[in-house]
N, C-alpha and C. Protein backbone atom coordinates (compact mmCIF):
# COMPACT_ATOMS: atom_id res chain seq x y z
N UNK A 1 -9.81 13.86 -17.72
CA UNK A 1 -9.63 12.48 -18.21
C UNK A 1 -9.07 11.60 -17.08
N UNK A 2 -9.64 10.40 -16.94
CA UNK A 2 -9.20 9.52 -15.86
C UNK A 2 -7.87 8.85 -16.21
N UNK A 3 -7.01 8.70 -15.21
CA UNK A 3 -5.79 7.92 -15.46
C UNK A 3 -6.12 6.43 -15.42
N UNK A 4 -5.23 5.63 -15.96
CA UNK A 4 -5.33 4.17 -15.81
C UNK A 4 -4.34 3.75 -14.75
N UNK A 5 -4.86 3.14 -13.69
CA UNK A 5 -4.05 2.82 -12.53
C UNK A 5 -4.19 1.35 -12.19
N UNK A 6 -3.10 0.71 -11.88
CA UNK A 6 -3.16 -0.67 -11.40
C UNK A 6 -3.45 -0.67 -9.90
N UNK A 7 -4.19 -1.70 -9.46
CA UNK A 7 -4.35 -1.88 -8.02
C UNK A 7 -3.13 -2.61 -7.50
N UNK A 8 -2.45 -1.98 -6.57
CA UNK A 8 -1.25 -2.59 -6.01
C UNK A 8 -1.45 -2.88 -4.54
N UNK A 9 -0.82 -3.93 -4.08
CA UNK A 9 -0.86 -4.26 -2.66
C UNK A 9 0.55 -4.18 -2.09
N UNK A 10 0.62 -3.76 -0.84
CA UNK A 10 1.90 -3.78 -0.16
C UNK A 10 2.35 -5.23 0.02
N UNK A 11 3.66 -5.49 0.02
CA UNK A 11 4.13 -6.84 0.32
C UNK A 11 3.64 -7.28 1.71
N UNK A 12 3.32 -8.55 1.89
CA UNK A 12 2.81 -9.02 3.18
C UNK A 12 3.71 -8.66 4.36
N UNK A 13 5.02 -8.70 4.14
CA UNK A 13 5.92 -8.37 5.26
C UNK A 13 5.81 -6.90 5.66
N UNK A 14 5.50 -6.03 4.68
CA UNK A 14 5.35 -4.60 4.98
C UNK A 14 4.05 -4.34 5.73
N UNK A 15 2.96 -4.96 5.29
CA UNK A 15 1.70 -4.76 6.00
C UNK A 15 1.80 -5.31 7.43
N UNK A 16 2.52 -6.42 7.59
CA UNK A 16 2.69 -6.99 8.93
C UNK A 16 3.54 -6.07 9.79
N UNK A 17 4.58 -5.48 9.22
CA UNK A 17 5.42 -4.54 9.99
C UNK A 17 4.59 -3.35 10.44
N UNK A 18 3.77 -2.81 9.56
CA UNK A 18 2.93 -1.66 9.92
C UNK A 18 1.91 -2.04 11.00
N UNK A 19 1.41 -3.26 10.92
CA UNK A 19 0.47 -3.72 11.95
C UNK A 19 1.15 -3.78 13.31
N UNK A 20 2.35 -4.35 13.35
CA UNK A 20 3.07 -4.46 14.62
C UNK A 20 3.39 -3.08 15.18
N UNK A 21 3.81 -2.16 14.32
CA UNK A 21 4.13 -0.81 14.78
C UNK A 21 2.89 -0.09 15.33
N UNK A 22 1.78 -0.25 14.65
CA UNK A 22 0.55 0.42 15.08
C UNK A 22 0.04 -0.17 16.39
N UNK A 23 0.10 -1.49 16.49
CA UNK A 23 -0.34 -2.12 17.75
C UNK A 23 0.56 -1.72 18.91
N UNK A 24 1.86 -1.61 18.65
CA UNK A 24 2.79 -1.23 19.72
C UNK A 24 2.54 0.20 20.19
N UNK A 25 2.02 1.05 19.29
CA UNK A 25 1.78 2.46 19.64
C UNK A 25 0.42 2.67 20.30
N UNK A 26 -0.38 1.62 20.42
CA UNK A 26 -1.70 1.76 21.05
C UNK A 26 -1.54 2.28 22.48
N UNK A 27 -2.29 3.31 22.84
CA UNK A 27 -2.22 3.85 24.21
C UNK A 27 -2.46 2.76 25.24
N UNK A 28 -1.62 2.74 26.24
CA UNK A 28 -1.69 1.69 27.26
C UNK A 28 -2.88 1.89 28.18
N UNK A 29 -3.40 0.77 28.64
CA UNK A 29 -4.48 0.77 29.64
C UNK A 29 -5.68 1.59 29.22
N UNK A 30 -5.97 1.56 27.91
CA UNK A 30 -7.11 2.28 27.37
C UNK A 30 -7.95 1.34 26.52
N UNK A 31 -9.28 1.52 26.52
CA UNK A 31 -10.08 0.76 25.57
C UNK A 31 -9.65 1.12 24.15
N UNK A 32 -9.89 0.23 23.21
CA UNK A 32 -9.54 0.52 21.82
C UNK A 32 -10.73 1.14 21.11
N UNK A 33 -10.50 2.34 20.58
CA UNK A 33 -11.52 3.06 19.82
C UNK A 33 -11.09 3.17 18.37
N UNK A 34 -12.08 3.19 17.47
CA UNK A 34 -11.87 3.43 16.05
C UNK A 34 -12.67 4.66 15.65
N UNK A 35 -12.05 5.57 14.89
CA UNK A 35 -12.77 6.73 14.38
C UNK A 35 -13.11 6.50 12.92
N UNK A 36 -14.41 6.44 12.61
CA UNK A 36 -14.87 6.24 11.25
C UNK A 36 -15.32 7.55 10.63
N UNK A 37 -14.87 7.82 9.42
CA UNK A 37 -15.23 9.07 8.73
C UNK A 37 -15.86 8.81 7.37
N UNK A 38 -15.85 7.55 6.92
CA UNK A 38 -16.43 7.18 5.63
C UNK A 38 -17.32 5.97 5.80
N UNK A 39 -17.02 4.90 5.08
CA UNK A 39 -17.90 3.73 5.10
C UNK A 39 -17.93 3.04 6.46
N UNK A 40 -16.92 3.25 7.29
CA UNK A 40 -16.98 2.66 8.64
C UNK A 40 -18.12 3.25 9.46
N UNK A 41 -18.65 4.40 9.03
CA UNK A 41 -19.77 4.99 9.76
C UNK A 41 -21.04 4.17 9.60
N UNK A 42 -21.21 3.49 8.45
CA UNK A 42 -22.42 2.69 8.25
C UNK A 42 -22.13 1.21 8.04
N UNK A 43 -20.87 0.85 7.89
CA UNK A 43 -20.53 -0.55 7.66
C UNK A 43 -19.26 -0.92 8.41
N UNK A 44 -19.29 -0.88 9.74
CA UNK A 44 -18.10 -1.25 10.52
C UNK A 44 -17.82 -2.74 10.37
N UNK A 45 -16.55 -3.09 10.49
CA UNK A 45 -16.15 -4.49 10.30
C UNK A 45 -15.64 -5.10 11.60
N UNK A 46 -16.19 -4.65 12.71
CA UNK A 46 -15.73 -5.12 14.02
C UNK A 46 -16.90 -5.08 15.00
N UNK A 47 -16.72 -5.74 16.12
CA UNK A 47 -17.73 -5.74 17.17
C UNK A 47 -17.45 -4.61 18.15
N UNK A 48 -18.47 -3.86 18.50
CA UNK A 48 -18.29 -2.71 19.41
C UNK A 48 -19.40 -2.69 20.44
N UNK A 49 -19.13 -2.02 21.56
CA UNK A 49 -20.16 -1.88 22.59
C UNK A 49 -20.57 -0.42 22.79
N UNK A 50 -19.87 0.52 22.16
CA UNK A 50 -20.25 1.93 22.20
C UNK A 50 -20.08 2.51 20.80
N UNK A 51 -21.09 3.26 20.37
CA UNK A 51 -21.04 4.00 19.11
C UNK A 51 -21.42 5.43 19.43
N UNK A 52 -20.50 6.38 19.20
CA UNK A 52 -20.74 7.75 19.65
C UNK A 52 -20.32 8.76 18.58
N UNK A 53 -21.12 9.79 18.35
CA UNK A 53 -20.67 10.89 17.49
C UNK A 53 -19.37 11.47 18.05
N UNK A 54 -18.45 11.80 17.16
CA UNK A 54 -17.13 12.26 17.61
C UNK A 54 -16.60 13.34 16.67
N UNK A 55 -15.69 14.14 17.21
CA UNK A 55 -15.06 15.22 16.45
C UNK A 55 -13.55 15.01 16.47
N UNK A 56 -12.96 15.04 15.29
CA UNK A 56 -11.50 15.00 15.16
C UNK A 56 -11.04 16.35 14.65
N UNK A 57 -10.27 17.05 15.43
CA UNK A 57 -9.81 18.39 15.04
C UNK A 57 -8.47 18.29 14.29
N UNK A 58 -8.32 19.20 13.35
CA UNK A 58 -7.08 19.25 12.58
C UNK A 58 -7.09 18.41 11.32
N UNK A 59 -8.24 17.81 11.01
CA UNK A 59 -8.37 16.98 9.81
C UNK A 59 -9.73 17.20 9.18
N UNK A 60 -9.83 16.87 7.90
CA UNK A 60 -11.11 16.94 7.19
C UNK A 60 -11.20 15.75 6.23
N UNK A 61 -12.43 15.28 5.98
CA UNK A 61 -12.64 14.20 5.02
C UNK A 61 -12.66 14.78 3.62
N UNK A 62 -11.94 14.11 2.72
CA UNK A 62 -11.86 14.56 1.34
C UNK A 62 -11.84 13.36 0.39
N UNK A 63 -12.44 13.51 -0.77
CA UNK A 63 -12.35 12.49 -1.81
C UNK A 63 -11.08 12.74 -2.61
N UNK A 64 -9.95 12.39 -2.00
CA UNK A 64 -8.66 12.72 -2.58
C UNK A 64 -7.82 11.50 -2.95
N UNK A 65 -8.44 10.32 -2.98
CA UNK A 65 -7.66 9.14 -3.38
C UNK A 65 -8.39 8.39 -4.49
N UNK A 66 -7.60 7.80 -5.38
CA UNK A 66 -8.16 6.95 -6.43
C UNK A 66 -8.51 5.58 -5.84
N UNK A 67 -9.65 5.05 -6.23
CA UNK A 67 -10.02 3.70 -5.83
C UNK A 67 -10.15 2.83 -7.07
N UNK A 68 -9.37 1.77 -7.12
CA UNK A 68 -9.35 0.90 -8.29
C UNK A 68 -9.82 -0.52 -7.97
N UNK A 69 -10.36 -0.70 -6.78
CA UNK A 69 -10.89 -2.01 -6.41
C UNK A 69 -12.25 -1.87 -5.75
N UNK A 70 -12.33 -1.16 -4.62
CA UNK A 70 -13.58 -1.10 -3.85
C UNK A 70 -14.69 -0.37 -4.60
N UNK A 71 -14.38 0.80 -5.17
CA UNK A 71 -15.40 1.62 -5.83
C UNK A 71 -14.99 2.03 -7.24
N UNK A 72 -14.12 1.26 -7.84
CA UNK A 72 -13.68 1.54 -9.21
C UNK A 72 -12.83 0.40 -9.69
N UNK A 73 -12.28 0.55 -10.88
CA UNK A 73 -11.40 -0.46 -11.47
C UNK A 73 -10.17 0.25 -12.02
N UNK A 74 -9.12 -0.48 -12.36
CA UNK A 74 -7.94 0.17 -12.94
C UNK A 74 -8.26 0.98 -14.20
N UNK A 75 -9.19 0.47 -15.03
CA UNK A 75 -9.55 1.18 -16.26
C UNK A 75 -10.56 2.29 -16.04
N UNK A 76 -11.32 2.20 -14.95
CA UNK A 76 -12.35 3.20 -14.66
C UNK A 76 -12.34 3.50 -13.17
N UNK A 77 -11.29 4.15 -12.67
CA UNK A 77 -11.18 4.39 -11.23
C UNK A 77 -12.23 5.37 -10.71
N UNK A 78 -12.59 5.17 -9.46
CA UNK A 78 -13.43 6.14 -8.76
C UNK A 78 -12.59 6.93 -7.78
N UNK A 79 -13.27 7.66 -6.91
CA UNK A 79 -12.58 8.42 -5.86
C UNK A 79 -13.04 7.92 -4.50
N UNK A 80 -12.09 7.82 -3.57
CA UNK A 80 -12.38 7.38 -2.22
C UNK A 80 -12.04 8.45 -1.20
N UNK A 81 -12.56 8.24 -0.02
CA UNK A 81 -12.35 9.20 1.07
C UNK A 81 -11.04 8.96 1.81
N UNK A 82 -10.50 10.04 2.31
CA UNK A 82 -9.34 9.98 3.19
C UNK A 82 -9.42 11.15 4.15
N UNK A 83 -8.57 11.17 5.14
CA UNK A 83 -8.42 12.31 6.04
C UNK A 83 -7.21 13.12 5.61
N UNK A 84 -7.42 14.42 5.43
CA UNK A 84 -6.35 15.36 5.12
C UNK A 84 -6.18 16.29 6.32
N UNK A 85 -4.92 16.58 6.67
CA UNK A 85 -4.71 17.52 7.77
C UNK A 85 -5.08 18.93 7.30
N UNK A 86 -5.70 19.68 8.20
CA UNK A 86 -6.18 21.02 7.86
C UNK A 86 -6.37 21.80 9.15
N UNK A 87 -6.90 23.01 9.03
CA UNK A 87 -7.17 23.84 10.21
C UNK A 87 -8.57 23.62 10.75
N UNK A 88 -9.35 22.76 10.11
CA UNK A 88 -10.73 22.57 10.51
C UNK A 88 -10.94 21.34 11.38
N UNK A 89 -12.05 20.64 11.12
CA UNK A 89 -12.38 19.46 11.91
C UNK A 89 -13.21 18.51 11.07
N UNK A 90 -13.28 17.28 11.53
CA UNK A 90 -14.07 16.25 10.88
C UNK A 90 -15.00 15.61 11.91
N UNK A 91 -16.27 15.56 11.60
CA UNK A 91 -17.24 14.90 12.46
C UNK A 91 -17.51 13.50 11.91
N UNK A 92 -17.44 12.52 12.79
CA UNK A 92 -17.66 11.15 12.39
C UNK A 92 -18.19 10.33 13.54
N UNK A 93 -17.86 9.04 13.54
CA UNK A 93 -18.34 8.11 14.55
C UNK A 93 -17.15 7.45 15.24
N UNK A 94 -17.17 7.44 16.56
CA UNK A 94 -16.17 6.70 17.35
C UNK A 94 -16.80 5.41 17.86
N UNK A 95 -16.10 4.31 17.67
CA UNK A 95 -16.56 3.01 18.16
C UNK A 95 -15.59 2.50 19.23
N UNK A 96 -16.15 2.02 20.32
CA UNK A 96 -15.32 1.34 21.33
C UNK A 96 -15.43 -0.16 21.08
N UNK A 97 -14.30 -0.78 20.78
CA UNK A 97 -14.31 -2.19 20.42
C UNK A 97 -14.50 -3.08 21.64
N UNK A 98 -15.13 -4.22 21.40
CA UNK A 98 -15.24 -5.25 22.42
C UNK A 98 -13.88 -5.93 22.55
N UNK A 99 -13.36 -5.95 23.75
CA UNK A 99 -12.00 -6.43 23.97
C UNK A 99 -11.78 -7.84 23.44
N UNK A 100 -12.80 -8.69 23.61
CA UNK A 100 -12.64 -10.08 23.18
C UNK A 100 -12.54 -10.22 21.66
N UNK A 101 -12.92 -9.19 20.93
CA UNK A 101 -12.92 -9.26 19.47
C UNK A 101 -11.75 -8.50 18.84
N UNK A 102 -10.89 -7.93 19.66
CA UNK A 102 -9.86 -7.03 19.11
C UNK A 102 -8.90 -7.75 18.17
N UNK A 103 -8.53 -8.98 18.48
CA UNK A 103 -7.60 -9.69 17.60
C UNK A 103 -8.16 -9.83 16.18
N UNK A 104 -9.40 -10.26 16.08
CA UNK A 104 -10.00 -10.40 14.75
C UNK A 104 -10.30 -9.04 14.13
N UNK A 105 -10.55 -8.02 14.97
CA UNK A 105 -10.79 -6.67 14.44
C UNK A 105 -9.55 -6.13 13.75
N UNK A 106 -8.37 -6.36 14.35
CA UNK A 106 -7.13 -5.93 13.70
C UNK A 106 -7.02 -6.56 12.30
N UNK A 107 -7.29 -7.84 12.21
CA UNK A 107 -7.15 -8.54 10.95
C UNK A 107 -8.10 -7.97 9.90
N UNK A 108 -9.36 -7.75 10.29
CA UNK A 108 -10.35 -7.25 9.33
C UNK A 108 -10.03 -5.81 8.91
N UNK A 109 -9.62 -4.99 9.87
CA UNK A 109 -9.28 -3.60 9.54
C UNK A 109 -8.09 -3.54 8.59
N UNK A 110 -7.10 -4.37 8.84
CA UNK A 110 -5.89 -4.33 8.00
C UNK A 110 -6.20 -4.79 6.58
N UNK A 111 -7.04 -5.80 6.46
CA UNK A 111 -7.41 -6.28 5.13
C UNK A 111 -8.21 -5.21 4.38
N UNK A 112 -9.06 -4.51 5.08
CA UNK A 112 -9.95 -3.54 4.43
C UNK A 112 -9.28 -2.21 4.14
N UNK A 113 -8.44 -1.75 5.05
CA UNK A 113 -7.93 -0.38 4.94
C UNK A 113 -6.45 -0.26 4.57
N UNK A 114 -5.67 -1.29 4.83
CA UNK A 114 -4.22 -1.12 4.76
C UNK A 114 -3.54 -1.93 3.66
N UNK A 115 -4.31 -2.52 2.77
CA UNK A 115 -3.70 -3.38 1.77
C UNK A 115 -2.83 -2.65 0.77
N UNK A 116 -3.26 -1.45 0.37
CA UNK A 116 -2.55 -0.75 -0.70
C UNK A 116 -1.47 0.21 -0.20
N UNK A 117 -1.59 0.64 1.05
CA UNK A 117 -0.63 1.62 1.59
C UNK A 117 -1.03 3.06 1.36
N UNK A 118 -2.26 3.30 0.85
CA UNK A 118 -2.69 4.68 0.60
C UNK A 118 -3.04 5.40 1.90
N UNK A 119 -3.23 4.63 2.98
CA UNK A 119 -3.50 5.21 4.29
C UNK A 119 -2.33 4.99 5.23
N UNK A 120 -2.22 5.89 6.18
CA UNK A 120 -1.33 5.71 7.33
C UNK A 120 -2.21 5.49 8.56
N UNK A 121 -2.12 4.34 9.18
CA UNK A 121 -2.87 4.08 10.40
C UNK A 121 -2.29 4.93 11.52
N UNK A 122 -3.13 5.74 12.16
CA UNK A 122 -2.63 6.73 13.12
C UNK A 122 -3.53 6.78 14.36
N UNK A 123 -2.91 7.00 15.49
CA UNK A 123 -3.64 7.21 16.73
C UNK A 123 -3.88 8.71 16.91
N UNK A 124 -5.13 9.08 17.12
CA UNK A 124 -5.51 10.48 17.25
C UNK A 124 -6.40 10.63 18.48
N UNK A 125 -6.64 11.86 18.90
CA UNK A 125 -7.58 12.13 19.97
C UNK A 125 -8.88 12.66 19.38
N UNK A 126 -9.98 12.01 19.72
CA UNK A 126 -11.28 12.47 19.26
C UNK A 126 -12.13 12.88 20.46
N UNK A 127 -13.06 13.77 20.22
CA UNK A 127 -13.90 14.30 21.29
C UNK A 127 -15.31 13.72 21.17
N UNK A 128 -15.80 13.17 22.29
CA UNK A 128 -17.17 12.68 22.36
C UNK A 128 -17.88 13.35 23.52
N UNK A 129 -19.20 13.44 23.45
CA UNK A 129 -19.94 14.09 24.52
C UNK A 129 -19.95 13.25 25.79
N UNK A 130 -20.24 11.96 25.67
CA UNK A 130 -20.43 11.12 26.85
C UNK A 130 -19.14 10.57 27.41
N UNK A 131 -18.11 10.43 26.58
CA UNK A 131 -16.89 9.76 27.02
C UNK A 131 -15.67 10.68 27.01
N UNK A 132 -15.87 11.96 26.75
CA UNK A 132 -14.77 12.91 26.75
C UNK A 132 -13.82 12.68 25.58
N UNK A 133 -12.57 13.06 25.76
CA UNK A 133 -11.56 12.87 24.71
C UNK A 133 -10.97 11.46 24.85
N UNK A 134 -10.96 10.74 23.74
CA UNK A 134 -10.45 9.37 23.78
C UNK A 134 -9.45 9.17 22.64
N UNK A 135 -8.42 8.36 22.87
CA UNK A 135 -7.50 8.01 21.77
C UNK A 135 -8.18 7.01 20.84
N UNK A 136 -8.06 7.23 19.54
CA UNK A 136 -8.72 6.35 18.57
C UNK A 136 -7.80 6.11 17.38
N UNK A 137 -7.97 4.95 16.79
CA UNK A 137 -7.24 4.62 15.57
C UNK A 137 -8.04 5.11 14.37
N UNK A 138 -7.36 5.75 13.43
CA UNK A 138 -8.02 6.16 12.20
C UNK A 138 -7.02 6.09 11.05
N UNK A 139 -7.45 6.48 9.86
CA UNK A 139 -6.64 6.25 8.67
C UNK A 139 -6.47 7.55 7.89
N UNK A 140 -5.25 8.07 7.91
CA UNK A 140 -4.90 9.36 7.31
C UNK A 140 -4.19 9.11 5.99
N UNK A 141 -4.40 9.99 5.04
CA UNK A 141 -3.87 9.76 3.70
C UNK A 141 -2.34 9.78 3.67
N UNK A 142 -1.81 8.93 2.83
CA UNK A 142 -0.38 8.92 2.51
C UNK A 142 -0.20 9.66 1.19
N UNK A 143 0.21 10.91 1.25
CA UNK A 143 0.29 11.73 0.04
C UNK A 143 1.39 11.27 -0.93
N UNK A 144 2.29 10.43 -0.46
CA UNK A 144 3.34 9.92 -1.34
C UNK A 144 2.89 8.72 -2.17
N UNK A 145 1.69 8.23 -1.91
CA UNK A 145 1.21 7.05 -2.61
C UNK A 145 0.76 7.43 -4.02
N UNK A 146 0.99 6.56 -5.02
CA UNK A 146 0.57 6.88 -6.40
C UNK A 146 -0.93 7.02 -6.57
N UNK A 147 -1.72 6.54 -5.62
CA UNK A 147 -3.17 6.67 -5.72
C UNK A 147 -3.69 7.92 -5.01
N UNK A 148 -2.78 8.78 -4.58
CA UNK A 148 -3.23 10.06 -4.02
C UNK A 148 -3.59 10.98 -5.18
N UNK A 149 -4.85 11.38 -5.25
CA UNK A 149 -5.33 12.21 -6.35
C UNK A 149 -5.21 13.69 -6.05
N UNK A 150 -5.39 14.05 -4.77
CA UNK A 150 -5.32 15.46 -4.40
C UNK A 150 -6.58 16.22 -4.75
N UNK A 151 -6.60 17.52 -4.46
CA UNK A 151 -7.79 18.34 -4.74
C UNK A 151 -8.04 18.49 -6.23
N UNK A 152 -9.32 18.63 -6.57
CA UNK A 152 -9.70 18.91 -7.95
C UNK A 152 -11.08 19.56 -7.95
N UNK A 153 -11.47 20.22 -9.01
CA UNK A 153 -12.79 20.87 -9.06
C UNK A 153 -13.93 19.88 -8.89
N UNK A 154 -15.04 20.36 -8.33
CA UNK A 154 -16.20 19.51 -8.10
C UNK A 154 -16.69 18.86 -9.38
N UNK A 155 -16.71 19.62 -10.47
CA UNK A 155 -17.19 19.08 -11.75
C UNK A 155 -16.32 17.90 -12.20
N UNK A 156 -15.03 18.02 -12.01
CA UNK A 156 -14.12 16.94 -12.40
C UNK A 156 -14.33 15.71 -11.52
N UNK A 157 -14.51 15.93 -10.23
CA UNK A 157 -14.77 14.82 -9.32
C UNK A 157 -16.05 14.09 -9.70
N UNK A 158 -17.09 14.85 -10.03
CA UNK A 158 -18.36 14.24 -10.39
C UNK A 158 -18.22 13.40 -11.66
N UNK A 159 -17.48 13.89 -12.64
CA UNK A 159 -17.26 13.14 -13.88
C UNK A 159 -16.55 11.82 -13.59
N UNK A 160 -15.62 11.83 -12.65
CA UNK A 160 -14.88 10.62 -12.30
C UNK A 160 -15.77 9.62 -11.57
N UNK A 161 -16.58 10.12 -10.63
CA UNK A 161 -17.36 9.24 -9.78
C UNK A 161 -18.58 8.67 -10.48
N UNK A 162 -19.18 9.42 -11.39
CA UNK A 162 -20.38 8.96 -12.09
C UNK A 162 -20.05 7.73 -12.93
N UNK A 163 -20.69 6.64 -12.64
CA UNK A 163 -20.48 5.41 -13.41
C UNK A 163 -19.36 4.52 -12.92
N UNK A 164 -18.50 5.01 -12.03
CA UNK A 164 -17.43 4.17 -11.48
C UNK A 164 -18.03 3.15 -10.51
N UNK A 165 -17.52 1.92 -10.58
CA UNK A 165 -18.06 0.85 -9.74
C UNK A 165 -16.97 -0.18 -9.49
N UNK A 166 -16.93 -0.70 -8.26
CA UNK A 166 -15.93 -1.69 -7.91
C UNK A 166 -16.55 -2.86 -7.16
N UNK A 167 -15.73 -3.61 -6.46
CA UNK A 167 -16.21 -4.81 -5.78
C UNK A 167 -17.15 -4.51 -4.63
N UNK A 168 -17.09 -3.29 -4.08
CA UNK A 168 -18.00 -2.89 -3.00
C UNK A 168 -19.23 -2.16 -3.52
N UNK A 169 -19.30 -1.93 -4.83
CA UNK A 169 -20.46 -1.26 -5.39
C UNK A 169 -20.11 0.05 -6.06
N UNK A 170 -21.15 0.81 -6.47
CA UNK A 170 -20.94 2.07 -7.18
C UNK A 170 -20.28 3.14 -6.30
N UNK A 171 -19.45 3.94 -6.95
CA UNK A 171 -18.81 5.05 -6.26
C UNK A 171 -19.87 6.04 -5.76
N UNK A 172 -20.92 6.22 -6.54
CA UNK A 172 -22.00 7.13 -6.17
C UNK A 172 -22.62 6.72 -4.84
N UNK A 173 -22.81 5.41 -4.61
CA UNK A 173 -23.43 4.94 -3.38
C UNK A 173 -22.54 5.22 -2.17
N UNK A 174 -21.25 5.14 -2.38
CA UNK A 174 -20.29 5.46 -1.31
C UNK A 174 -20.42 6.92 -0.91
N UNK A 175 -20.49 7.80 -1.89
CA UNK A 175 -20.71 9.22 -1.63
C UNK A 175 -22.04 9.46 -0.95
N UNK A 176 -23.11 8.85 -1.47
CA UNK A 176 -24.45 9.03 -0.90
C UNK A 176 -24.52 8.51 0.53
N UNK A 177 -23.87 7.37 0.79
CA UNK A 177 -23.86 6.83 2.15
C UNK A 177 -23.17 7.76 3.12
N UNK A 178 -22.09 8.38 2.68
CA UNK A 178 -21.37 9.32 3.53
C UNK A 178 -22.24 10.54 3.83
N UNK A 179 -22.87 11.08 2.80
CA UNK A 179 -23.74 12.25 2.99
C UNK A 179 -24.89 11.90 3.93
N UNK A 180 -25.48 10.72 3.77
CA UNK A 180 -26.59 10.31 4.64
C UNK A 180 -26.16 10.22 6.09
N UNK A 181 -25.00 9.61 6.34
CA UNK A 181 -24.53 9.49 7.72
C UNK A 181 -24.21 10.86 8.32
N UNK A 182 -23.70 11.77 7.52
CA UNK A 182 -23.42 13.11 8.02
C UNK A 182 -24.70 13.85 8.37
N UNK A 183 -25.74 13.65 7.56
CA UNK A 183 -27.03 14.25 7.88
C UNK A 183 -27.56 13.73 9.21
N UNK A 184 -27.35 12.43 9.47
CA UNK A 184 -27.77 11.86 10.75
C UNK A 184 -27.05 12.53 11.92
N UNK A 185 -25.83 13.00 11.66
CA UNK A 185 -25.06 13.71 12.68
C UNK A 185 -25.38 15.20 12.70
N UNK A 186 -26.39 15.59 11.93
CA UNK A 186 -26.77 17.01 11.79
C UNK A 186 -25.63 17.84 11.23
N UNK A 187 -24.89 17.24 10.30
CA UNK A 187 -23.78 17.93 9.63
C UNK A 187 -24.16 18.12 8.17
N UNK A 188 -24.15 19.36 7.71
CA UNK A 188 -24.43 19.65 6.30
C UNK A 188 -23.14 20.12 5.66
N UNK A 189 -22.57 19.26 4.82
CA UNK A 189 -21.35 19.59 4.10
C UNK A 189 -21.74 20.04 2.71
N UNK A 190 -21.71 21.34 2.48
CA UNK A 190 -22.19 21.88 1.21
C UNK A 190 -21.40 21.34 0.01
N UNK A 191 -20.10 21.08 0.22
CA UNK A 191 -19.29 20.58 -0.89
C UNK A 191 -19.70 19.17 -1.29
N UNK A 192 -19.90 18.29 -0.30
CA UNK A 192 -20.30 16.93 -0.62
C UNK A 192 -21.74 16.86 -1.11
N UNK A 193 -22.61 17.72 -0.57
CA UNK A 193 -23.99 17.78 -1.06
C UNK A 193 -24.00 18.20 -2.54
N UNK A 194 -23.19 19.20 -2.87
CA UNK A 194 -23.12 19.66 -4.26
C UNK A 194 -22.52 18.59 -5.16
N UNK A 195 -21.52 17.87 -4.65
CA UNK A 195 -20.90 16.80 -5.43
C UNK A 195 -21.91 15.70 -5.72
N UNK A 196 -22.70 15.31 -4.72
CA UNK A 196 -23.70 14.26 -4.91
C UNK A 196 -24.74 14.70 -5.95
N UNK A 197 -25.17 15.95 -5.87
CA UNK A 197 -26.15 16.45 -6.83
C UNK A 197 -25.60 16.38 -8.26
N UNK A 198 -24.33 16.73 -8.44
CA UNK A 198 -23.72 16.70 -9.78
C UNK A 198 -23.55 15.27 -10.28
N UNK A 199 -23.15 14.37 -9.38
CA UNK A 199 -23.01 12.95 -9.78
C UNK A 199 -24.37 12.39 -10.20
N UNK A 200 -25.41 12.68 -9.42
CA UNK A 200 -26.74 12.18 -9.76
C UNK A 200 -27.22 12.75 -11.10
N UNK A 201 -26.95 14.02 -11.34
CA UNK A 201 -27.35 14.64 -12.60
C UNK A 201 -26.64 13.98 -13.78
N UNK A 202 -25.37 13.69 -13.62
CA UNK A 202 -24.61 13.04 -14.69
C UNK A 202 -25.11 11.63 -14.94
N UNK A 203 -25.39 10.88 -13.88
CA UNK A 203 -25.84 9.51 -14.06
C UNK A 203 -27.24 9.47 -14.68
N UNK A 204 -28.09 10.43 -14.30
CA UNK A 204 -29.41 10.53 -14.93
C UNK A 204 -29.28 10.85 -16.41
N UNK A 205 -28.38 11.74 -16.74
CA UNK A 205 -28.15 12.13 -18.13
C UNK A 205 -27.67 10.94 -18.96
N UNK A 206 -26.75 10.15 -18.38
CA UNK A 206 -26.22 8.99 -19.09
C UNK A 206 -27.30 7.94 -19.30
N UNK A 207 -28.18 7.77 -18.30
CA UNK A 207 -29.24 6.77 -18.41
C UNK A 207 -30.30 7.23 -19.43
N UNK A 208 -30.45 8.55 -19.55
CA UNK A 208 -31.44 9.10 -20.49
C UNK A 208 -30.98 9.00 -21.91
């Protein structure tokens, strides 16, 4: 059974403090890179001059957060992606930002990713073939946040995601977009493939 969750935003002064702290921690004399593991892989909100497949070790992408705005509502929440620390790795996309656009990129990223506080903006090292290891900004889950859902069985996740929809569209499309981008990277995630199949089966059943 789905919980009923309100969409909450951090106070403006808190989001600004986190922005200042994250900017201050940016590696010196380095281009600014962003590591995308979910919708940033197909819908980046910044200008870039390099887009490269990348590997982040020690983390994995998981549908472990409730979404009550982008891909769900307070009465019918969906599930969103986050990075969880683990012994494995996550394959995604690294973007090198255009320096002239960085000021506006910070603003757009903060509005999109940091409004609720469910993520911790973090600098990590990612591996690329052409550019070696580069420091990149990414968004790791805040497990203390009330919208942290944590692990659950695939069947339960599918029940939650099927039919959930928010301001960015259906939760199912978010899952399908992620799977499609991973296929482009020649990555087959059996768990997400199975989840997508179950969500599609449920939505077909409901439409029938």
